[in-house]
């Protein structure tokens, strides 16, 4: 289901990114829709522009989050990515014009493209995320989760996960740090094991998401926990208190008001690396260089 969700997002981005380029090109040139669409001068730039945005979105991490983000988070991330991407395009156009001694007011049309691009892609993203959220609420694609830690904040996190079905998480239990908490429970959610048993718990319970809510004096357990989870194909999230010791490996997210941090031991997953490699080959080939 995770791969299916990512496919939906990739598909809607493919449609909206290319559609925004089509509308922009139609406004910019004096051609009919069909004449424009079959023109080689339109199709090649459209392909390059799509691959460019795909690369931007990959590096910003817009395909990593499997669950439906809030509309604010989705739009905010997209706005940053759009502005960043368009500014790079504007700079490249400006430098190309400057190097050829060209004074062209047309480069400022890129700002019109920014508006068209943002509207189309944001509408597509919000629509597909709403569709995903509805599927999760109805029980499709939900993921087994545990909360590591048994304290007041971990109980608040558990409350939020239970309350907001759109997150798509089913909390199977608490993984405790202290032995005395092994027999405890909270609102029907039991402590199902000690943190040293996390690998066994992941395997036996088919855990796919781990929310880490350790107290400050337990920080030394975090690195060991992440090491044990490496290669287990589980998502890791922690509360921001521990952010400073993981600088460079974290990505912020929101759990309905609770800020969380996504931990990525691999800064670029294998599938992202392969896509990037394909884009690198295409880009190098288009510039007439030997990429082998």
Protein backbone atom coordinates (compact mmCIF):
# COMPACT_ATOMS: atom_id res chain seq x y z
CA UNK A 1 0.00 0.00 0.00
CA UNK A 2 2.92 2.32 0.72
CA UNK A 3 4.18 1.88 -2.85
CA UNK A 4 0.64 2.37 -4.15
CA UNK A 5 0.31 5.65 -2.24
CA UNK A 6 3.59 6.88 -3.66
CA UNK A 7 2.47 5.87 -7.16
CA UNK A 8 -0.71 7.96 -6.79
CA UNK A 9 1.33 11.02 -5.75
CA UNK A 10 3.85 10.52 -8.58
CA UNK A 11 1.00 10.12 -11.08
CA UNK A 12 -0.87 13.26 -9.99
CA UNK A 13 2.39 15.25 -10.03
CA UNK A 14 3.15 13.98 -13.54
CA UNK A 15 -0.27 15.15 -14.74
CA UNK A 16 -0.31 18.54 -13.01
CA UNK A 17 3.32 19.48 -13.73
CA UNK A 18 2.90 18.75 -17.44
CA UNK A 19 -0.53 20.39 -17.53
CA UNK A 20 0.85 23.57 -15.98
CA UNK A 21 3.59 23.64 -18.64
CA UNK A 22 0.95 23.13 -21.35
CA UNK A 23 -1.14 26.05 -20.08
CA UNK A 24 1.92 28.27 -19.69
CA UNK A 25 3.12 27.43 -23.22
CA UNK A 26 -0.36 28.08 -24.64
CA UNK A 27 -0.42 31.54 -23.05
CA UNK A 28 3.11 32.30 -24.21
CA UNK A 29 2.89 31.29 -27.89
CA UNK A 30 0.35 31.86 -30.63
CA UNK A 31 -0.69 28.26 -31.32
CA UNK A 32 -3.77 26.13 -30.88
CA UNK A 33 -3.87 23.42 -28.23
CA UNK A 34 -3.39 20.54 -30.66
CA UNK A 35 -0.68 22.25 -32.71
CA UNK A 36 1.16 23.01 -29.51
CA UNK A 37 0.83 19.52 -28.10
CA UNK A 38 2.26 17.77 -31.19
CA UNK A 39 5.09 20.26 -31.59
CA UNK A 40 8.56 18.87 -30.89
CA UNK A 41 9.53 22.31 -29.58
CA UNK A 42 6.93 21.80 -26.86
CA UNK A 43 7.34 18.11 -26.02
CA UNK A 44 11.09 18.11 -25.42
CA UNK A 45 11.09 21.13 -23.05
CA UNK A 46 8.04 19.65 -21.26
CA UNK A 47 9.91 16.39 -20.65
CA UNK A 48 13.02 18.19 -19.40
CA UNK A 49 10.95 20.47 -17.14
CA UNK A 50 9.09 17.50 -15.66
CA UNK A 51 12.34 15.66 -14.89
CA UNK A 52 13.70 18.86 -13.38
CA UNK A 53 10.74 19.15 -11.00
CA UNK A 54 10.90 15.45 -10.19
CA UNK A 55 14.50 15.91 -9.11
CA UNK A 56 13.61 18.98 -7.01
CA UNK A 57 10.76 17.12 -5.29
CA UNK A 58 13.00 14.11 -4.64
CA UNK A 59 15.71 16.17 -2.97
CA UNK A 60 13.20 18.10 -0.86
CA UNK A 61 11.65 14.81 0.23
CA UNK A 62 8.15 15.27 -1.13
CA UNK A 63 7.79 11.56 -1.91
CA UNK A 64 9.04 10.19 1.39
CA UNK A 65 6.04 10.69 3.62
CA UNK A 66 3.65 7.81 3.08
CA UNK A 67 0.65 9.12 5.03
CA UNK A 68 -1.61 12.04 4.15
CA UNK A 69 -0.08 15.27 5.42
CA UNK A 70 -2.25 18.10 6.66
CA UNK A 71 -3.27 20.52 3.92
CA UNK A 72 -1.17 23.26 5.52
CA UNK A 73 1.98 21.09 5.57
CA UNK A 74 1.41 19.94 2.00
CA UNK A 75 0.88 23.45 0.62
CA UNK A 76 3.72 24.92 2.70
CA UNK A 77 6.23 22.33 1.48
CA UNK A 78 5.07 22.71 -2.11
CA UNK A 79 5.33 26.51 -1.94
CA UNK A 80 8.93 26.27 -0.74
CA UNK A 81 9.79 23.72 -3.43
CA UNK A 82 8.08 25.79 -6.17
CA UNK A 83 9.80 29.01 -5.20
CA UNK A 84 13.17 27.27 -4.89
CA UNK A 85 12.79 25.53 -8.25
CA UNK A 86 11.59 28.60 -10.13
CA UNK A 87 14.39 30.75 -8.72
CA UNK A 88 16.92 28.22 -10.06
CA UNK A 89 15.24 28.30 -13.48
CA UNK A 90 15.19 32.12 -13.46
CA UNK A 91 18.89 32.23 -12.54
CA UNK A 92 19.80 29.81 -15.33
CA UNK A 93 17.81 31.83 -17.89
CA UNK A 94 19.33 35.08 -16.66
CA UNK A 95 22.91 33.73 -16.83
CA UNK A 96 22.28 32.32 -20.31
CA UNK A 97 20.95 35.67 -21.53
CA UNK A 98 23.82 37.54 -19.89
CA UNK A 99 26.48 35.25 -21.40
CA UNK A 100 24.99 35.83 -24.87
CA UNK A 101 24.48 39.55 -24.36
CA UNK A 102 20.71 39.23 -24.67
CA UNK A 103 18.28 41.61 -22.98
CA UNK A 104 14.97 39.77 -22.88
CA UNK A 105 11.95 40.85 -20.83
CA UNK A 106 10.46 37.41 -21.50
CA UNK A 107 12.48 35.87 -18.70
CA UNK A 108 10.05 37.43 -16.23
CA UNK A 109 7.31 35.23 -17.67
CA UNK A 110 8.77 32.61 -15.36
CA UNK A 111 6.87 34.33 -12.55
CA UNK A 112 3.61 33.65 -14.39
CA UNK A 113 4.71 30.05 -14.69
CA UNK A 114 5.33 29.96 -10.94
CA UNK A 115 1.71 30.94 -10.28
CA UNK A 116 0.29 28.43 -12.77
CA UNK A 117 2.56 25.66 -11.53
CA UNK A 118 1.75 26.21 -7.87
CA UNK A 119 -2.02 26.31 -8.43
CA UNK A 120 -2.13 23.17 -10.56
CA UNK A 121 0.23 21.06 -8.45
CA UNK A 122 -1.25 22.17 -5.11
CA UNK A 123 -4.79 21.33 -6.26
CA UNK A 124 -3.56 17.92 -7.43
CA UNK A 125 -1.64 17.26 -4.22
CA UNK A 126 -4.47 18.25 -1.90
CA UNK A 127 -6.93 16.16 -3.90
CA UNK A 128 -4.81 13.01 -3.86
CA UNK A 129 -3.92 13.43 -0.18
CA UNK A 130 -7.64 13.80 0.68
CA UNK A 131 -8.31 10.61 -1.28
CA UNK A 132 -5.51 8.81 0.59
CA UNK A 133 -6.78 10.04 3.95
CA UNK A 134 -10.28 8.75 3.22
CA UNK A 135 -8.84 5.33 2.34
CA UNK A 136 -6.87 5.25 5.61
CA UNK A 137 -9.95 6.19 7.66
CA UNK A 138 -11.87 3.36 5.99
CA UNK A 139 -9.12 0.90 6.92
CA UNK A 140 -7.14 0.63 3.69
CA UNK A 141 -3.35 0.81 3.93
CA UNK A 142 -3.13 1.26 7.69
CA UNK A 143 0.19 0.54 9.41
CA UNK A 144 1.07 -1.14 12.69
CA UNK A 145 2.87 1.16 15.11
CA UNK A 146 4.42 1.16 18.57
CA UNK A 147 5.22 4.06 20.86
CA UNK A 148 8.65 3.80 22.48
CA UNK A 149 8.49 5.23 25.98
CA UNK A 150 5.88 5.28 28.71
CA UNK A 151 5.47 8.82 30.03
CA UNK A 152 3.01 11.69 29.86
CA UNK A 153 4.09 12.83 26.42
CA UNK A 154 3.95 9.30 24.99
CA UNK A 155 0.39 9.01 26.31
CA UNK A 156 -0.53 12.31 24.59
CA UNK A 157 0.95 11.04 21.34
CA UNK A 158 -1.00 7.80 21.65
CA UNK A 159 -4.19 9.82 22.26
CA UNK A 160 -3.64 11.83 19.09
CA UNK A 161 -2.96 8.75 16.98
CA UNK A 162 -6.12 7.07 18.26
CA UNK A 163 -8.19 10.22 17.77
CA UNK A 164 -7.03 11.00 14.23
CA UNK A 165 -7.68 7.95 12.07
CA UNK A 166 -6.43 9.81 9.01
CA UNK A 167 -2.87 9.19 10.18
CA UNK A 168 -3.34 5.55 9.23
CA UNK A 169 -1.58 4.21 12.33
CA UNK A 170 -2.77 1.44 14.65
CA UNK A 171 -0.90 1.54 17.97
CA UNK A 172 -0.29 -2.05 19.06
CA UNK A 173 1.42 -1.12 22.30
CA UNK A 174 4.10 0.73 24.23
CA UNK A 175 7.75 -0.32 24.22
CA UNK A 176 9.04 0.66 27.65
CA UNK A 177 12.43 1.75 28.90
CA UNK A 178 11.96 0.89 32.59
CA UNK A 179 11.29 -2.67 33.76
CA UNK A 180 8.61 -1.53 36.23
CA UNK A 181 6.44 -0.29 33.34
CA UNK A 182 6.18 -3.69 31.65
CA UNK A 183 2.86 -4.50 33.34
CA UNK A 184 1.28 -1.11 32.72
CA UNK A 185 -1.33 -0.02 30.18
CA UNK A 186 -3.01 3.18 29.04
CA UNK A 187 -6.55 3.28 27.63
CA UNK A 188 -6.37 -0.34 26.60
CA UNK A 189 -2.90 -0.05 25.05
CA UNK A 190 -0.52 -2.42 26.85
CA UNK A 191 3.21 -2.36 27.30
CA UNK A 192 4.29 -5.17 24.94
CA UNK A 193 8.01 -5.30 25.62
CA UNK A 194 11.25 -3.65 26.65
CA UNK A 195 13.28 -1.42 24.35
CA UNK A 196 16.06 -4.02 24.22
CA UNK A 197 13.57 -6.36 22.53
CA UNK A 198 12.66 -3.92 19.76
CA UNK A 199 13.94 -6.15 16.92
CA UNK A 200 11.86 -9.08 18.14
CA UNK A 201 8.80 -6.85 18.55
CA UNK A 202 9.17 -5.48 15.00
CA UNK A 203 9.31 -8.99 13.56
CA UNK A 204 6.56 -10.56 15.64
CA UNK A 205 4.07 -7.68 15.42
CA UNK A 206 4.89 -6.63 11.82
CA UNK A 207 5.64 -3.11 13.00
CA UNK A 208 5.95 -0.49 10.26
CA UNK A 209 6.10 2.77 12.24
CA UNK A 210 7.89 3.58 15.50
CA UNK A 211 7.18 6.79 17.40
CA UNK A 212 9.97 7.48 19.87
CA UNK A 213 9.05 9.51 22.95
CA UNK A 214 12.03 9.14 25.26
CA UNK A 215 12.73 11.35 28.26
CA UNK A 216 15.82 13.54 28.30
CA UNK A 217 17.83 11.25 30.57
CA UNK A 218 17.19 8.38 28.10
CA UNK A 219 18.87 10.09 25.15
CA UNK A 220 21.75 7.61 25.17
CA UNK A 221 19.30 4.88 24.11
CA UNK A 222 18.29 6.65 20.90
CA UNK A 223 21.33 5.89 18.74
CA UNK A 224 21.27 2.25 19.83
CA UNK A 225 17.56 2.04 18.99
CA UNK A 226 18.07 3.51 15.51
CA UNK A 227 20.93 1.07 14.90
CA UNK A 228 18.71 -1.89 15.77
CA UNK A 229 15.97 -0.64 13.44
CA UNK A 230 18.29 -0.13 10.48
CA UNK A 231 17.38 -2.43 7.65
CA UNK A 232 14.02 -3.31 9.20
CA UNK A 233 12.02 -1.13 6.78
CA UNK A 234 10.26 0.77 9.54
CA UNK A 235 9.54 4.48 9.76
CA UNK A 236 11.09 6.27 12.75
CA UNK A 237 9.73 9.44 14.31
CA UNK A 238 10.85 11.22 17.46
CA UNK A 239 9.69 14.24 19.42
CA UNK A 240 11.84 17.37 18.83
CA UNK A 241 13.60 17.26 22.23
CA UNK A 242 16.22 14.91 20.77
CA UNK A 243 16.75 16.72 17.49
CA UNK A 244 20.14 18.22 18.25
CA UNK A 245 21.93 14.85 18.34
CA UNK A 246 20.62 13.88 14.91
CA UNK A 247 21.37 17.00 12.92
CA UNK A 248 21.38 16.31 9.21
CA UNK A 249 19.35 13.09 9.38
CA UNK A 250 15.95 14.48 10.32
CA UNK A 251 12.91 15.89 8.57
CA UNK A 252 10.16 17.68 10.48
CA UNK A 253 6.51 16.66 10.24
CA UNK A 254 3.30 17.34 12.15
CA UNK A 255 1.01 14.92 13.95
CA UNK A 256 -2.08 17.10 14.33
CA UNK A 257 -0.33 19.77 16.36
CA UNK A 258 2.46 17.60 17.75
CA UNK A 259 5.74 18.31 15.97
CA UNK A 260 7.61 15.12 15.10
CA UNK A 261 10.86 14.45 13.32
CA UNK A 262 11.26 11.76 10.67
CA UNK A 263 14.56 9.95 11.05
CA UNK A 264 16.22 8.77 7.86
CA UNK A 265 19.37 6.73 8.57
CA UNK A 266 19.68 6.53 4.77
CA UNK A 267 19.62 10.11 3.50
CA UNK A 268 18.58 8.79 0.09
CA UNK A 269 16.64 5.52 -0.10
CA UNK A 270 17.54 3.06 -2.84
CA UNK A 271 14.54 3.90 -5.05
CA UNK A 272 15.33 7.64 -4.90
CA UNK A 273 18.96 6.94 -5.78
CA UNK A 274 17.90 4.94 -8.85
CA UNK A 275 15.56 7.69 -10.05
CA UNK A 276 18.28 10.29 -9.52
CA UNK A 277 20.72 8.10 -11.49
CA UNK A 278 18.27 7.86 -14.41
CA UNK A 279 17.83 11.64 -14.41
CA UNK A 280 21.62 12.16 -14.25
CA UNK A 281 22.10 9.86 -17.25
CA UNK A 282 19.38 11.62 -19.23
CA UNK A 283 20.77 15.05 -18.38
CA UNK A 284 24.34 14.08 -19.28
CA UNK A 285 23.23 12.41 -22.49
CA UNK A 286 21.22 15.48 -23.50
CA UNK A 287 24.40 17.53 -23.14
CA UNK A 288 26.28 15.18 -25.45
CA UNK A 289 28.70 13.76 -22.88
CA UNK A 290 29.77 10.20 -22.23
CA UNK A 291 28.07 9.13 -18.99
CA UNK A 292 29.58 5.66 -18.65
